[in-house]
Protein backbone atom coordinates (compact mmCIF):
# COMPACT_ATOMS: atom_id res chain seq x y z
CA MET A 1 -10.95 14.70 -25.87
CA VAL A 2 -13.24 17.29 -27.28
CA ALA A 3 -17.02 17.56 -27.37
CA SER A 4 -18.56 17.48 -30.82
CA ALA A 5 -21.60 19.09 -32.33
CA ASN A 6 -23.41 15.82 -31.57
CA SER A 7 -22.65 16.39 -27.85
CA TYR A 8 -20.42 13.40 -27.22
CA PRO A 9 -16.65 13.50 -27.19
CA LEU A 10 -14.37 12.03 -29.77
CA SER A 11 -12.40 9.01 -28.71
CA PRO A 12 -8.59 9.28 -28.85
CA LYS A 13 -8.63 7.07 -31.98
CA GLU A 14 -11.18 9.36 -33.63
CA GLU A 15 -9.10 12.43 -32.79
CA ILE A 16 -5.96 10.81 -34.17
CA VAL A 17 -7.64 9.62 -37.38
CA LEU A 18 -9.28 13.02 -37.93
CA GLY A 19 -5.96 14.80 -37.30
CA THR A 20 -4.06 12.41 -39.57
CA VAL A 21 -6.54 12.92 -42.41
CA ALA A 22 -6.15 16.69 -41.99
CA VAL A 23 -2.34 16.56 -42.03
CA SER A 24 -2.07 13.92 -44.78
CA ALA A 25 -4.60 15.50 -47.12
CA LYS A 26 -3.30 19.06 -46.68
CA GLY A 27 -1.87 19.56 -50.17
CA ARG A 28 -4.16 17.10 -51.95
CA LYS A 29 -7.47 17.91 -50.24
CA LYS A 30 -8.28 14.16 -49.94
CA VAL A 31 -6.35 11.04 -48.94
CA HIS A 32 -6.99 7.34 -49.66
CA GLY A 33 -7.43 4.83 -46.83
CA TYR A 34 -4.31 2.72 -47.51
CA PRO A 35 -1.76 5.59 -47.38
CA LEU A 36 -3.64 6.89 -44.36
CA ALA A 37 -3.22 3.52 -42.63
CA GLN A 38 0.52 3.59 -43.40
CA GLU A 39 0.87 7.07 -41.91
CA ILE A 40 -1.04 6.05 -38.78
CA ALA A 41 1.19 2.97 -38.43
CA ALA A 42 4.27 5.22 -38.55
CA LEU A 43 2.98 7.75 -36.00
CA ARG A 44 5.20 8.57 -33.07
CA PRO A 45 4.95 7.54 -30.30
CA ARG A 46 4.94 4.07 -31.81
CA HIS A 47 2.88 2.54 -29.00
CA PHE A 48 -0.26 3.64 -30.84
CA SER A 49 -1.57 1.13 -33.41
CA MET A 50 -4.75 0.55 -35.35
CA ASN A 51 -5.71 -2.28 -37.68
CA TYR A 52 -7.45 -1.69 -41.02
CA ALA A 53 -10.89 -2.77 -39.83
CA THR A 54 -10.75 -0.32 -36.93
CA LEU A 55 -9.46 2.46 -39.18
CA TYR A 56 -12.34 2.07 -41.63
CA ARG A 57 -14.91 1.88 -38.82
CA VAL A 58 -13.51 5.13 -37.39
CA LEU A 59 -13.50 6.76 -40.84
CA ASN A 60 -17.14 5.76 -41.36
CA ARG A 61 -18.13 7.05 -37.91
CA LEU A 62 -16.40 10.39 -38.51
CA GLU A 63 -18.09 10.71 -41.89
CA GLU A 64 -21.52 9.88 -40.42
CA ARG A 65 -20.97 12.65 -37.85
CA GLY A 66 -20.14 15.12 -40.63
CA LEU A 67 -16.50 15.55 -39.61
CA LEU A 68 -15.09 13.91 -42.75
CA THR A 69 -16.14 13.99 -46.36
CA SER A 70 -15.40 11.25 -48.88
CA GLU A 71 -15.71 10.46 -52.53
CA VAL A 72 -15.30 7.32 -54.59
CA ALA A 73 -12.93 7.37 -57.57
CA LYS A 74 -14.53 7.16 -61.00
CA PRO A 75 -15.11 3.56 -62.14
CA GLY A 76 -12.09 2.20 -63.99
CA THR A 77 -9.66 4.72 -62.49
CA PHE A 78 -8.05 2.08 -60.27
CA PRO A 79 -8.03 -1.70 -60.81
CA GLY A 80 -9.91 -3.84 -58.31
CA ARG A 81 -12.23 -2.39 -55.69
CA SER A 82 -13.30 1.22 -55.82
CA ARG A 83 -11.09 3.59 -53.84
CA ARG A 84 -12.52 6.13 -51.44
CA SER A 85 -10.73 9.39 -50.64
CA TYR A 86 -11.27 11.25 -47.36
CA GLY A 87 -11.00 14.90 -46.43
CA VAL A 88 -11.84 16.93 -43.34
CA SER A 89 -15.10 18.91 -43.42
CA VAL A 90 -15.50 22.45 -42.10
CA GLU A 91 -17.05 21.02 -38.90
CA GLY A 92 -14.12 18.61 -38.57
CA ARG A 93 -11.62 21.47 -38.83
CA LYS A 94 -13.49 23.44 -36.15
CA LEU A 95 -13.39 20.41 -33.88
CA LEU A 96 -9.67 19.86 -34.50
CA ARG A 97 -8.88 23.39 -33.32
CA LYS A 98 -10.42 22.50 -29.92
CA SER A 99 -8.85 19.04 -29.66
CA GLU A 100 -6.43 18.07 -26.89
CA VAL A 101 -4.64 15.67 -29.26
CA ALA A 102 -2.86 17.00 -32.34
CA VAL A 103 -1.24 15.16 -35.21
CA LYS A 104 1.64 17.18 -36.65
CA ARG A 105 4.47 16.76 -39.15
CA ASP A 106 8.08 17.37 -38.06
CA ASP A 107 10.86 18.94 -40.15
CA ASP A 108 11.68 15.53 -41.67
CA GLY A 109 8.07 15.00 -42.76
CA GLU A 110 7.33 12.34 -40.13
CA LEU A 111 3.98 12.45 -38.33
CA TYR A 112 3.81 12.55 -34.55
CA ILE A 113 1.12 12.86 -31.90
CA GLU A 114 1.19 15.83 -29.55
CA PHE A 115 -0.90 15.64 -26.36
């Protein structure tokens, strides 16, 4: 785990979510919560899991700490509830470079966790 600007370390779940947002949003700048949850569910090793409620709590915590940014889609863009997109802030990227846990994409495009 790595110490943050707020002087307490990120939990392994926070490191994994932050890393997954960074890898998933790379070409698009931002990623929605549902596809993010699917990517986390497919992470290797498969013994890691996270339910939706936990994912959104972690996303909110990371955003409150200034490690993620988010924006809500314009009203009427998507049917149903408003969709929020997440991206990694400059502070989040600095923290990821110091992290002991890394989320990476292999040659087949699958995400995996590297310790």
